[in-house]
Amino acid sequence: MSSHSADETQPPFSSWGTPLQMSGPILICQGVRFFGLKRSPPPFLFLLTLKSNHFQKHLLKGVNFASAGSGLLDITGPYMSVVPLSQQISQLSVVKDNLTALIGSTATETLLSKSMFFISIGSNDIFGYFMTNSTMPRDQFIGILISAYSNHITNLYRLGARKFGIISVPPVGCCPSQRLLQKLINGVDGCFPPENDFALAFHSALDTLLVNISSQLPGFKYSLGNGYLMTMDVINNPRASGFDNVDSACCGYGILNSEGPCNSTASLCPDRRKYLFWDQFHPTKRAAFLAAQTLYSGPPYYVSPINFSQLAKDY
């Protein structure tokens, strides 16, 4: 999550989670620029190293709680030393307490109610489901994810959040690492259908959840970005978005440049601007920019019931 304000009189913008592909940290960094901000705010854990008075003053300018590899469930990413989403929300509680000490309870409540909380999470949970060869029925697991999502949103609401910009899971089966899986397991090129089917079902369940929550929590407002449609439209018609390659990683090695990570010995593509994917999982900077642009000002087909710019203006 990141929380940022352009100055002390403007509400901060917050983003929760660090999913992969079209919803990663790069997307958040690109997205804040559409709100007039120059860069993503500093990490919460870094701010904790500052002196108390400096810590509190920085909170007015923004905080980043994001943790790569985290998911909706605390058990997601157990070998990656992630900060679970539940713990990120606890960190927000610390921020709220410090803001209250700095500017008072009433001003803090107003600030949080006008802030935008961007949530982009779920891909890692889906990857974990398939990587562990779970025998749990898909719909049952999605039910667990949606229940966790509901609890996280409710806890944020109790802390004062009212405006949520939410990005659903993209077609995770189409990132280079999963295309490689499709090739190795099934002997054919293309996306890995089971994961994409999962992503579609997850989006449908999330859409229903948000409709229900909006009728139950007074003042709750949201925008839901359809990460699946946004990404698939680019994959199905890449030239329209200026891409030449939508299946291989720009940085990596081996088949689809996806048999290994992007490191100092990896093979690098000649022009990253022409690639949808930077590495095995994540988008290029240009792809993230296009996604952020769509979320900010796109039509209801991609982001509904209103887009992020309309959500920001809706006080």
C-alpha atoms as a PDB file:
ATOM      1  CA  MET A   1       0.000   0.000   0.000  1.00  0.00           C
ATOM      2  CA  SER A   2       1.177   3.539  -0.596  1.00  0.00           C
ATOM      3  CA  SER A   3      -0.273   6.743   0.720  1.00  0.00           C
ATOM      4  CA  HIS A   4       0.684  10.066  -0.815  1.00  0.00           C
ATOM      5  CA  SER A   5      -0.403  13.688  -0.890  1.00  0.00           C
ATOM      6  CA  ALA A   6       0.880  16.404  -3.197  1.00  0.00           C
ATOM      7  CA  ASP A   7       0.888  18.826  -0.300  1.00  0.00           C
ATOM      8  CA  GLU A   8      -0.398  19.007   3.241  1.00  0.00           C
ATOM      9  CA  THR A   9      -3.827  20.272   2.164  1.00  0.00           C
ATOM     10  CA  GLN A  10      -4.574  17.451  -0.259  1.00  0.00           C
ATOM     11  CA  PRO A  11      -5.698  13.907   0.591  1.00  0.00           C
ATOM     12  CA  PRO A  12      -3.123  11.123   0.289  1.00  0.00           C
ATOM     13  CA  PHE A  13      -3.447   8.373  -2.260  1.00  0.00           C
ATOM     14  CA  SER A  14      -3.029   4.840  -0.969  1.00  0.00           C
ATOM     15  CA  SER A  15      -2.349   1.572  -2.752  1.00  0.00           C
ATOM     16  CA  TRP A  16      -2.560  -1.853  -1.148  1.00  0.00           C
ATOM     17  CA  GLY A  17      -0.710  -5.015  -2.125  1.00  0.00           C
ATOM     18  CA  THR A  18       1.841  -5.879  -4.789  1.00  0.00           C
ATOM     19  CA  PRO A  19       0.389  -8.290  -7.279  1.00  0.00           C
ATOM     20  CA  LEU A  20       2.186  -9.283 -10.430  1.00  0.00           C
ATOM     21  CA  GLN A  21       1.800  -8.562 -14.110  1.00  0.00           C
ATOM     22  CA  MET A  22      -0.502  -5.627 -14.934  1.00  0.00           C
ATOM     23  CA  SER A  23      -1.061  -4.708 -11.309  1.00  0.00           C
ATOM     24  CA  GLY A  24       2.444  -4.466  -9.910  1.00  0.00           C
ATOM     25  CA  PRO A  25       4.338  -1.701  -8.093  1.00  0.00           C
ATOM     26  CA  ILE A  26       5.288  -0.100 -11.430  1.00  0.00           C
ATOM     27  CA  LEU A  27       1.603   0.447 -12.150  1.00  0.00           C
ATOM     28  CA  ILE A  28       1.157   2.298  -8.866  1.00  0.00           C
ATOM     29  CA  CYS A  29       4.212   4.462  -9.561  1.00  0.00           C
ATOM     30  CA  GLN A  30       2.816   5.350 -12.976  1.00  0.00           C
ATOM     31  CA  GLY A  31      -0.678   5.867 -11.596  1.00  0.00           C
ATOM     32  CA  VAL A  32       0.179   8.508  -8.999  1.00  0.00           C
ATOM     33  CA  ARG A  33       1.532  10.748 -11.739  1.00  0.00           C
ATOM     34  CA  PHE A  34      -1.949  11.141 -13.173  1.00  0.00           C
ATOM     35  CA  PHE A  35      -2.891  12.736  -9.856  1.00  0.00           C
ATOM     36  CA  GLY A  36      -0.114  15.300 -10.172  1.00  0.00           C
ATOM     37  CA  LEU A  37       2.429  13.462  -8.023  1.00  0.00           C
ATOM     38  CA  LYS A  38       6.036  13.081  -9.127  1.00  0.00           C
ATOM     39  CA  ARG A  39       6.793   9.692  -7.581  1.00  0.00           C
ATOM     40  CA  SER A  40       5.547   6.939  -5.328  1.00  0.00           C
ATOM     41  CA  PRO A  41       5.998   7.714  -1.602  1.00  0.00           C
ATOM     42  CA  PRO A  42       8.748   6.150   0.551  1.00  0.00           C
ATOM     43  CA  PRO A  43       8.233   2.780   2.266  1.00  0.00           C
ATOM     44  CA  PHE A  44       6.686   2.648   5.722  1.00  0.00           C
ATOM     45  CA  LEU A  45       9.571   0.536   7.053  1.00  0.00           C
ATOM     46  CA  PHE A  46      12.062   3.150   5.867  1.00  0.00           C
ATOM     47  CA  LEU A  47      10.133   5.942   7.559  1.00  0.00           C
ATOM     48  CA  LEU A  48      10.304   3.992  10.815  1.00  0.00           C
ATOM     49  CA  THR A  49      14.074   4.534  10.789  1.00  0.00           C
ATOM     50  CA  LEU A  50      13.591   8.307  10.986  1.00  0.00           C
ATOM     51  CA  LYS A  51      13.319  10.370  14.141  1.00  0.00           C
ATOM     52  CA  SER A  52       9.803  10.662  15.547  1.00  0.00           C
ATOM     53  CA  ASN A  53       9.144  14.231  14.398  1.00  0.00           C
ATOM     54  CA  HIS A  54      10.456  13.522  10.883  1.00  0.00           C
ATOM     55  CA  PHE A  55       8.385  10.330  10.713  1.00  0.00           C
ATOM     56  CA  GLN A  56       5.176  12.189  11.472  1.00  0.00           C
ATOM     57  CA  LYS A  57       5.861  15.014   9.017  1.00  0.00           C
ATOM     58  CA  HIS A  58       6.558  12.509   6.222  1.00  0.00           C
ATOM     59  CA  LEU A  59       3.165  10.902   6.789  1.00  0.00           C
ATOM     60  CA  LEU A  60       1.492  14.028   5.406  1.00  0.00           C
ATOM     61  CA  LYS A  61       3.397  13.523   2.162  1.00  0.00           C
ATOM     62  CA  GLY A  62       2.676   9.833   1.747  1.00  0.00           C
ATOM     63  CA  VAL A  63       3.557   6.311   2.825  1.00  0.00           C
ATOM     64  CA  ASN A  64       4.154   3.114   0.865  1.00  0.00           C
ATOM     65  CA  PHE A  65       3.117  -0.121   2.594  1.00  0.00           C
ATOM     66  CA  ALA A  66       3.447  -2.416  -0.445  1.00  0.00           C
ATOM     67  CA  SER A  67       5.187  -5.783  -0.079  1.00  0.00           C
ATOM     68  CA  ALA A  68       6.194  -7.774  -3.154  1.00  0.00           C
ATOM     69  CA  GLY A  69       4.772 -11.294  -3.182  1.00  0.00           C
ATOM     70  CA  SER A  70       1.973 -10.624  -0.700  1.00  0.00           C
ATOM     71  CA  GLY A  71      -1.594 -11.758  -1.202  1.00  0.00           C
ATOM     72  CA  LEU A  72      -5.047 -11.660   0.283  1.00  0.00           C
ATOM     73  CA  LEU A  73      -4.154 -14.593   2.527  1.00  0.00           C
ATOM     74  CA  ASP A  74      -1.454 -14.468   5.200  1.00  0.00           C
ATOM     75  CA  ILE A  75      -0.156 -17.849   3.987  1.00  0.00           C
ATOM     76  CA  THR A  76       0.638 -16.473   0.515  1.00  0.00           C
ATOM     77  CA  GLY A  77       4.351 -15.983  -0.191  1.00  0.00           C
ATOM     78  CA  PRO A  78       5.677 -17.870   2.860  1.00  0.00           C
ATOM     79  CA  TYR A  79       9.216 -18.157   1.483  1.00  0.00           C
ATOM     80  CA  MET A  80       9.542 -14.547   0.342  1.00  0.00           C
ATOM     81  CA  SER A  81       9.545 -12.686   3.684  1.00  0.00           C
ATOM     82  CA  VAL A  82       6.493 -10.688   2.661  1.00  0.00           C
ATOM     83  CA  VAL A  83       4.466  -8.313   4.803  1.00  0.00           C
ATOM     84  CA  PRO A  84       0.927  -9.751   4.665  1.00  0.00           C
ATOM     85  CA  LEU A  85      -1.932  -7.440   3.757  1.00  0.00           C
ATOM     86  CA  SER A  86      -3.344  -7.827   7.263  1.00  0.00           C
ATOM     87  CA  GLN A  87      -0.061  -6.496   8.668  1.00  0.00           C
ATOM     88  CA  GLN A  88      -0.008  -3.658   6.145  1.00  0.00           C
ATOM     89  CA  ILE A  89      -3.402  -2.593   7.480  1.00  0.00           C
ATOM     90  CA  SER A  90      -1.961  -2.682  11.002  1.00  0.00           C
ATOM     91  CA  GLN A  91       0.764  -0.348   9.757  1.00  0.00           C
ATOM     92  CA  LEU A  92      -1.920   2.042   8.550  1.00  0.00           C
ATOM     93  CA  SER A  93      -3.316   2.006  12.070  1.00  0.00           C
ATOM     94  CA  VAL A  94       0.090   3.188  13.298  1.00  0.00           C
ATOM     95  CA  VAL A  95       0.017   5.949  10.693  1.00  0.00           C
ATOM     96  CA  LYS A  96      -3.463   7.000  11.799  1.00  0.00           C
ATOM     97  CA  ASP A  97      -2.369   7.205  15.435  1.00  0.00           C
ATOM     98  CA  ASN A  98       0.596   9.381  14.493  1.00  0.00           C
ATOM     99  CA  LEU A  99      -1.503  11.620  12.258  1.00  0.00           C
ATOM    100  CA  THR A 100      -3.960  12.065  15.122  1.00  0.00           C
ATOM    101  CA  ALA A 101      -1.121  13.126  17.403  1.00  0.00           C
ATOM    102  CA  LEU A 102       0.104  15.558  14.759  1.00  0.00           C
ATOM    103  CA  ILE A 103      -3.052  17.197  13.382  1.00  0.00           C
ATOM    104  CA  GLY A 104      -5.834  15.988  15.670  1.00  0.00           C
ATOM    105  CA  SER A 105      -8.604  13.422  15.434  1.00  0.00           C
ATOM    106  CA  THR A 106     -11.070  15.444  13.344  1.00  0.00           C
ATOM    107  CA  ALA A 107      -8.505  16.480  10.730  1.00  0.00           C
ATOM    108  CA  THR A 108      -7.217  12.916  10.511  1.00  0.00           C
ATOM    109  CA  GLU A 109     -10.698  11.489   9.936  1.00  0.00           C
ATOM    110  CA  THR A 110     -11.311  14.081   7.219  1.00  0.00           C
ATOM    111  CA  LEU A 111      -7.978  13.366   5.580  1.00  0.00           C
ATOM    112  CA  LEU A 112      -8.566   9.621   5.468  1.00  0.00           C
ATOM    113  CA  SER A 113     -12.138   9.963   4.206  1.00  0.00           C
ATOM    114  CA  LYS A 114     -10.921  12.041   1.260  1.00  0.00           C
ATOM    115  CA  SER A 115      -7.995   9.739   0.516  1.00  0.00           C
ATOM    116  CA  MET A 116      -8.018   7.136  -2.239  1.00  0.00           C
ATOM    117  CA  PHE A 117      -7.031   3.605  -1.330  1.00  0.00           C
ATOM    118  CA  PHE A 118      -5.794   1.627  -4.320  1.00  0.00           C
ATOM    119  CA  ILE A 119      -5.988  -2.142  -3.906  1.00  0.00           C
ATOM    120  CA  SER A 120      -4.338  -4.391  -6.462  1.00  0.00           C
ATOM    121  CA  ILE A 121      -3.946  -7.926  -5.165  1.00  0.00           C
ATOM    122  CA  GLY A 122      -4.853 -11.572  -5.714  1.00  0.00           C
ATOM    123  CA  SER A 123      -2.497 -12.816  -8.425  1.00  0.00           C
ATOM    124  CA  ASN A 124      -0.049 -14.299  -5.929  1.00  0.00           C
ATOM    125  CA  ASP A 125      -2.857 -16.186  -4.207  1.00  0.00           C
ATOM    126  CA  ILE A 126      -3.826 -17.732  -7.539  1.00  0.00           C
ATOM    127  CA  PHE A 127      -0.223 -18.649  -8.336  1.00  0.00           C
ATOM    128  CA  GLY A 128       0.036 -20.254  -4.911  1.00  0.00           C
ATOM    129  CA  TYR A 129      -3.105 -22.316  -5.518  1.00  0.00           C
ATOM    130  CA  PHE A 130      -1.626 -23.823  -8.674  1.00  0.00           C
ATOM    131  CA  MET A 131       1.970 -24.125  -7.477  1.00  0.00           C
ATOM    132  CA  THR A 132       0.887 -26.212  -4.468  1.00  0.00           C
ATOM    133  CA  ASN A 133      -1.336 -28.416  -6.649  1.00  0.00           C
ATOM    134  CA  SER A 134      -4.239 -27.695  -4.332  1.00  0.00           C
ATOM    135  CA  THR A 135      -7.093 -30.201  -4.418  1.00  0.00           C
ATOM    136  CA  MET A 136      -9.570 -27.677  -3.069  1.00  0.00           C
ATOM    137  CA  PRO A 137     -12.350 -26.905  -5.601  1.00  0.00           C
ATOM    138  CA  ARG A 138     -11.741 -23.626  -7.416  1.00  0.00           C
ATOM    139  CA  ASP A 139     -14.985 -21.979  -6.322  1.00  0.00           C
ATOM    140  CA  GLN A 140     -14.326 -22.877  -2.697  1.00  0.00           C
ATOM    141  CA  PHE A 141     -10.889 -21.259  -2.808  1.00  0.00           C
ATOM    142  CA  ILE A 142     -12.294 -18.163  -4.510  1.00  0.00           C
ATOM    143  CA  GLY A 143     -14.858 -17.985  -1.723  1.00  0.00           C
ATOM    144  CA  ILE A 144     -12.022 -17.951   0.826  1.00  0.00           C
ATOM    145  CA  LEU A 145     -10.233 -15.182  -1.099  1.00  0.00           C
ATOM    146  CA  ILE A 146     -13.377 -13.065  -1.365  1.00  0.00           C
ATOM    147  CA  SER A 147     -14.102 -13.513   2.342  1.00  0.00           C
ATOM    148  CA  ALA A 148     -10.581 -12.315   3.124  1.00  0.00           C
ATOM    149  CA  TYR A 149     -11.020  -9.385   0.708  1.00  0.00           C
ATOM    150  CA  SER A 150     -14.240  -8.410   2.465  1.00  0.00           C
ATOM    151  CA  ASN A 151     -12.539  -8.465   5.859  1.00  0.00           C
ATOM    152  CA  HIS A 152      -9.620  -6.339   4.618  1.00  0.00           C
ATOM    153  CA  ILE A 153     -11.910  -3.728   3.086  1.00  0.00           C
ATOM    154  CA  THR A 154     -14.046  -3.627   6.229  1.00  0.00           C
ATOM    155  CA  ASN A 155     -10.968  -3.131   8.422  1.00  0.00           C
ATOM    156  CA  LEU A 156      -9.775  -0.304   6.173  1.00  0.00           C
ATOM    157  CA  TYR A 157     -13.228   1.246   6.370  1.00  0.00           C
ATOM    158  CA  ARG A 158     -13.120   1.088  10.176  1.00  0.00           C
ATOM    159  CA  LEU A 159      -9.816   2.958  10.082  1.00  0.00           C
ATOM    160  CA  GLY A 160     -11.453   5.725   8.052  1.00  0.00           C
ATOM    161  CA  ALA A 161     -11.013   4.726   4.401  1.00  0.00           C
ATOM    162  CA  ARG A 162     -13.980   5.561   2.183  1.00  0.00           C
ATOM    163  CA  LYS A 163     -12.735   5.749  -1.415  1.00  0.00           C
ATOM    164  CA  PHE A 164     -11.346   2.571  -2.977  1.00  0.00           C
ATOM    165  CA  GLY A 165      -9.693   2.202  -6.376  1.00  0.00           C
ATOM    166  CA  ILE A 166      -9.566  -1.552  -6.898  1.00  0.00           C
ATOM    167  CA  ILE A 167      -7.786  -3.427  -9.689  1.00  0.00           C
ATOM    168  CA  SER A 168      -8.899  -6.990 -10.326  1.00  0.00           C
ATOM    169  CA  VAL A 169      -6.616  -9.877 -11.245  1.00  0.00           C
ATOM    170  CA  PRO A 170      -5.285  -9.857 -14.841  1.00  0.00           C
ATOM    171  CA  PRO A 171      -5.025 -12.975 -17.056  1.00  0.00           C
ATOM    172  CA  VAL A 172      -2.178 -14.423 -15.012  1.00  0.00           C
ATOM    173  CA  GLY A 173      -2.042 -17.448 -17.300  1.00  0.00           C
ATOM    174  CA  CYS A 174      -0.687 -15.224 -20.079  1.00  0.00           C
ATOM    175  CA  CYS A 175       2.502 -13.988 -18.430  1.00  0.00           C
ATOM    176  CA  PRO A 176       5.692 -15.522 -19.904  1.00  0.00           C
ATOM    177  CA  SER A 177       6.303 -17.936 -17.033  1.00  0.00           C
ATOM    178  CA  GLN A 178       2.833 -19.454 -17.394  1.00  0.00           C
ATOM    179  CA  ARG A 179       3.048 -19.558 -21.192  1.00  0.00           C
ATOM    180  CA  LEU A 180       6.219 -21.571 -20.659  1.00  0.00           C
ATOM    181  CA  LEU A 181       4.246 -23.850 -18.344  1.00  0.00           C
ATOM    182  CA  GLN A 182       1.589 -24.352 -21.023  1.00  0.00           C
ATOM    183  CA  LYS A 183       4.287 -25.233 -23.536  1.00  0.00           C
ATOM    184  CA  LEU A 184       6.071 -27.695 -21.255  1.00  0.00           C
ATOM    185  CA  ILE A 185       2.966 -29.388 -19.834  1.00  0.00           C
ATOM    186  CA  ASN A 186       0.606 -29.412 -22.798  1.00  0.00           C
ATOM    187  CA  GLY A 187       3.063 -29.022 -25.667  1.00  0.00           C
ATOM    188  CA  VAL A 188       1.279 -26.029 -27.187  1.00  0.00           C
ATOM    189  CA  ASP A 189       1.886 -22.294 -27.347  1.00  0.00           C
ATOM    190  CA  GLY A 190      -0.377 -19.732 -25.744  1.00  0.00           C
ATOM    191  CA  CYS A 191      -1.735 -18.823 -22.335  1.00  0.00           C
ATOM    192  CA  PHE A 192      -2.371 -21.337 -19.561  1.00  0.00           C
ATOM    193  CA  PRO A 193      -6.225 -21.565 -19.571  1.00  0.00           C
ATOM    194  CA  PRO A 194      -6.888 -22.882 -16.021  1.00  0.00           C
ATOM    195  CA  GLU A 195      -5.314 -19.813 -14.433  1.00  0.00           C
ATOM    196  CA  ASN A 196      -7.156 -17.431 -16.743  1.00  0.00           C
ATOM    197  CA  ASP A 197     -10.452 -19.135 -15.965  1.00  0.00           C
ATOM    198  CA  PHE A 198      -9.636 -18.663 -12.287  1.00  0.00           C
ATOM    199  CA  ALA A 199      -8.924 -14.955 -12.849  1.00  0.00           C
ATOM    200  CA  LEU A 200     -12.259 -14.461 -14.631  1.00  0.00           C
ATOM    201  CA  ALA A 201     -14.206 -16.196 -11.870  1.00  0.00           C
ATOM    202  CA  PHE A 202     -12.361 -14.138  -9.268  1.00  0.00           C
ATOM    203  CA  HIS A 203     -13.278 -10.885 -11.009  1.00  0.00           C
ATOM    204  CA  SER A 204     -16.945 -11.834 -11.135  1.00  0.00           C
ATOM    205  CA  ALA A 205     -16.964 -12.664  -7.416  1.00  0.00           C
ATOM    206  CA  LEU A 206     -15.116  -9.443  -6.575  1.00  0.00           C
ATOM    207  CA  ASP A 207     -17.585  -7.376  -8.594  1.00  0.00           C
ATOM    208  CA  THR A 208     -20.475  -8.900  -6.640  1.00  0.00           C
ATOM    209  CA  LEU A 209     -18.685  -8.301  -3.337  1.00  0.00           C
ATOM    210  CA  LEU A 210     -18.163  -4.600  -4.050  1.00  0.00           C
ATOM    211  CA  VAL A 211     -21.792  -4.097  -5.034  1.00  0.00           C
ATOM    212  CA  ASN A 212     -22.871  -5.697  -1.759  1.00  0.00           C
ATOM    213  CA  ILE A 213     -20.394  -3.759   0.375  1.00  0.00           C
ATOM    214  CA  SER A 214     -21.401  -0.432  -1.196  1.00  0.00           C
ATOM    215  CA  SER A 215     -24.967  -1.040  -0.032  1.00  0.00           C
ATOM    216  CA  GLN A 216     -23.883  -1.915   3.505  1.00  0.00           C
ATOM    217  CA  LEU A 217     -21.197   0.629   4.392  1.00  0.00           C
ATOM    218  CA  PRO A 218     -22.326   4.296   4.412  1.00  0.00           C
ATOM    219  CA  GLY A 219     -20.036   6.554   2.379  1.00  0.00           C
ATOM    220  CA  PHE A 220     -18.204   3.660   0.725  1.00  0.00           C
ATOM    221  CA  LYS A 221     -17.301   4.500  -2.888  1.00  0.00           C
ATOM    222  CA  TYR A 222     -15.261   2.508  -5.356  1.00  0.00           C
ATOM    223  CA  SER A 223     -13.926   2.033  -8.857  1.00  0.00           C
ATOM    224  CA  LEU A 224     -13.201  -1.491 -10.113  1.00  0.00           C
ATOM    225  CA  GLY A 225     -10.602  -1.821 -12.842  1.00  0.00           C
ATOM    226  CA  ASN A 226     -11.017  -4.914 -15.001  1.00  0.00           C
ATOM    227  CA  GLY A 227      -7.395  -6.005 -15.263  1.00  0.00           C
ATOM    228  CA  TYR A 228      -8.418  -9.065 -17.235  1.00  0.00           C
ATOM    229  CA  LEU A 229     -10.106  -7.221 -20.100  1.00  0.00           C
ATOM    230  CA  MET A 230      -7.488  -4.481 -20.192  1.00  0.00           C
ATOM    231  CA  THR A 231      -4.684  -7.001 -20.634  1.00  0.00           C
ATOM    232  CA  MET A 232      -6.456  -9.408 -22.981  1.00  0.00           C
ATOM    233  CA  ASP A 233      -7.405  -6.609 -25.362  1.00  0.00           C
ATOM    234  CA  VAL A 234      -3.726  -5.688 -25.627  1.00  0.00           C
ATOM    235  CA  ILE A 235      -2.717  -9.323 -26.137  1.00  0.00           C
ATOM    236  CA  ASN A 236      -5.338  -9.881 -28.831  1.00  0.00           C
ATOM    237  CA  ASN A 237      -4.488  -6.661 -30.677  1.00  0.00           C
ATOM    238  CA  PRO A 238      -0.950  -5.659 -29.666  1.00  0.00           C
ATOM    239  CA  ARG A 239      -0.216  -3.305 -32.548  1.00  0.00           C
ATOM    240  CA  ALA A 240      -3.095  -1.050 -31.512  1.00  0.00           C
ATOM    241  CA  SER A 241      -1.187  -0.352 -28.303  1.00  0.00           C
ATOM    242  CA  GLY A 242       2.213  -0.164 -29.979  1.00  0.00           C
ATOM    243  CA  PHE A 243       3.538  -3.573 -28.913  1.00  0.00           C
ATOM    244  CA  ASP A 244       5.371  -6.076 -31.101  1.00  0.00           C
ATOM    245  CA  ASN A 245       5.730  -8.811 -28.483  1.00  0.00           C
ATOM    246  CA  VAL A 246       3.128  -9.842 -25.890  1.00  0.00           C
ATOM    247  CA  ASP A 247       4.299 -13.345 -25.014  1.00  0.00           C
ATOM    248  CA  SER A 248       8.026 -13.170 -24.233  1.00  0.00           C
ATOM    249  CA  ALA A 249       9.877 -11.402 -21.449  1.00  0.00           C
ATOM    250  CA  CYS A 250      12.173  -8.538 -22.397  1.00  0.00           C
ATOM    251  CA  CYS A 251      14.699  -9.603 -19.761  1.00  0.00           C
ATOM    252  CA  GLY A 252      15.528 -13.226 -18.963  1.00  0.00           C
ATOM    253  CA  TYR A 253      16.836 -16.257 -20.823  1.00  0.00           C
ATOM    254  CA  GLY A 254      15.731 -19.446 -22.528  1.00  0.00           C
ATOM    255  CA  ILE A 255      12.336 -20.179 -24.087  1.00  0.00           C
ATOM    256  CA  LEU A 256      10.220 -17.011 -24.184  1.00  0.00           C
ATOM    257  CA  ASN A 257      13.087 -15.438 -22.246  1.00  0.00           C
ATOM    258  CA  SER A 258      11.256 -16.922 -19.260  1.00  0.00           C
ATOM    259  CA  GLU A 259      13.335 -19.848 -18.038  1.00  0.00           C
ATOM    260  CA  GLY A 260      15.233 -17.636 -15.630  1.00  0.00           C
ATOM    261  CA  PRO A 261      15.051 -14.292 -13.821  1.00  0.00           C
ATOM    262  CA  CYS A 262      16.141 -10.899 -15.048  1.00  0.00           C
ATOM    263  CA  ASN A 263      19.634 -10.420 -13.667  1.00  0.00           C
ATOM    264  CA  SER A 264      23.092  -9.219 -14.701  1.00  0.00           C
ATOM    265  CA  THR A 265      23.634 -12.218 -17.002  1.00  0.00           C
ATOM    266  CA  ALA A 266      20.171 -12.228 -18.597  1.00  0.00           C
ATOM    267  CA  SER A 267      19.410 -11.594 -22.245  1.00  0.00           C
ATOM    268  CA  LEU A 268      17.854  -8.187 -22.865  1.00  0.00           C
ATOM    269  CA  CYS A 269      15.452  -7.320 -25.696  1.00  0.00           C
ATOM    270  CA  PRO A 270      16.465  -4.543 -28.116  1.00  0.00           C
ATOM    271  CA  ASP A 271      13.523  -2.233 -27.269  1.00  0.00           C
ATOM    272  CA  ARG A 272      11.569  -2.716 -24.040  1.00  0.00           C
ATOM    273  CA  ARG A 273       8.923  -0.251 -25.226  1.00  0.00           C
ATOM    274  CA  LYS A 274       7.748  -2.838 -27.743  1.00  0.00           C
ATOM    275  CA  TYR A 275       7.271  -5.553 -25.100  1.00  0.00           C
ATOM    276  CA  LEU A 276       4.265  -6.091 -22.852  1.00  0.00           C
ATOM    277  CA  PHE A 277       6.315  -8.029 -20.269  1.00  0.00           C
ATOM    278  CA  TRP A 278       9.563  -6.986 -18.663  1.00  0.00           C
ATOM    279  CA  ASP A 279      10.357 -10.319 -16.983  1.00  0.00           C
ATOM    280  CA  GLN A 280       8.675 -13.633 -16.194  1.00  0.00           C
ATOM    281  CA  PHE A 281       5.738 -11.980 -14.453  1.00  0.00           C
ATOM    282  CA  HIS A 282       5.818  -8.191 -14.557  1.00  0.00           C
ATOM    283  CA  PRO A 283       4.824  -5.610 -17.178  1.00  0.00           C
ATOM    284  CA  THR A 284       7.170  -3.134 -18.778  1.00  0.00           C
ATOM    285  CA  LYS A 285       7.064   0.490 -17.709  1.00  0.00           C
ATOM    286  CA  ARG A 286       5.171   1.411 -20.864  1.00  0.00           C
ATOM    287  CA  ALA A 287       2.581  -1.307 -20.298  1.00  0.00           C
ATOM    288  CA  ALA A 288       2.072  -0.091 -16.733  1.00  0.00           C
ATOM    289  CA  PHE A 289       1.663   3.473 -17.980  1.00  0.00           C
ATOM    290  CA  LEU A 290      -1.051   2.445 -20.434  1.00  0.00           C
ATOM    291  CA  ALA A 291      -2.858   0.493 -17.717  1.00  0.00           C
ATOM    292  CA  ALA A 292      -2.680   3.425 -15.308  1.00  0.00           C
ATOM    293  CA  GLN A 293      -3.971   5.757 -18.013  1.00  0.00           C
ATOM    294  CA  THR A 294      -6.956   3.473 -18.618  1.00  0.00           C
ATOM    295  CA  LEU A 295      -7.739   3.206 -14.922  1.00  0.00           C
ATOM    296  CA  TYR A 296      -7.571   6.973 -14.552  1.00  0.00           C
ATOM    297  CA  SER A 297      -9.753   8.013 -17.460  1.00  0.00           C
ATOM    298  CA  GLY A 298     -11.035   4.848 -19.161  1.00  0.00           C
ATOM    299  CA  PRO A 299     -14.650   3.952 -20.036  1.00  0.00           C
ATOM    300  CA  PRO A 300     -16.972   1.722 -17.934  1.00  0.00           C
ATOM    301  CA  TYR A 301     -15.994  -1.228 -20.109  1.00  0.00           C
ATOM    302  CA  TYR A 302     -12.629  -1.231 -18.342  1.00  0.00           C
ATOM    303  CA  VAL A 303     -13.326   0.513 -15.031  1.00  0.00           C
ATOM    304  CA  SER A 304     -16.707   0.813 -13.344  1.00  0.00           C
ATOM    305  CA  PRO A 305     -18.993   2.200 -12.057  1.00  0.00           C
ATOM    306  CA  ILE A 306     -16.705   5.232 -12.371  1.00  0.00           C
ATOM    307  CA  ASN A 307     -13.033   5.599 -13.264  1.00  0.00           C
ATOM    308  CA  PHE A 308     -10.282   6.655 -10.883  1.00  0.00           C
ATOM    309  CA  SER A 309     -10.317  10.315 -11.893  1.00  0.00           C
ATOM    310  CA  GLN A 310     -14.037  10.512 -11.201  1.00  0.00           C
ATOM    311  CA  LEU A 311     -13.541   8.769  -7.882  1.00  0.00           C
ATOM    312  CA  ALA A 312     -10.876  11.309  -6.915  1.00  0.00           C
ATOM    313  CA  LYS A 313     -13.233  14.219  -7.654  1.00  0.00           C
ATOM    314  CA  ASP A 314     -16.192  12.635  -5.905  1.00  0.00           C
ATOM    315  CA  TYR A 315     -16.131  14.171  -2.445  1.00  0.00           C
END
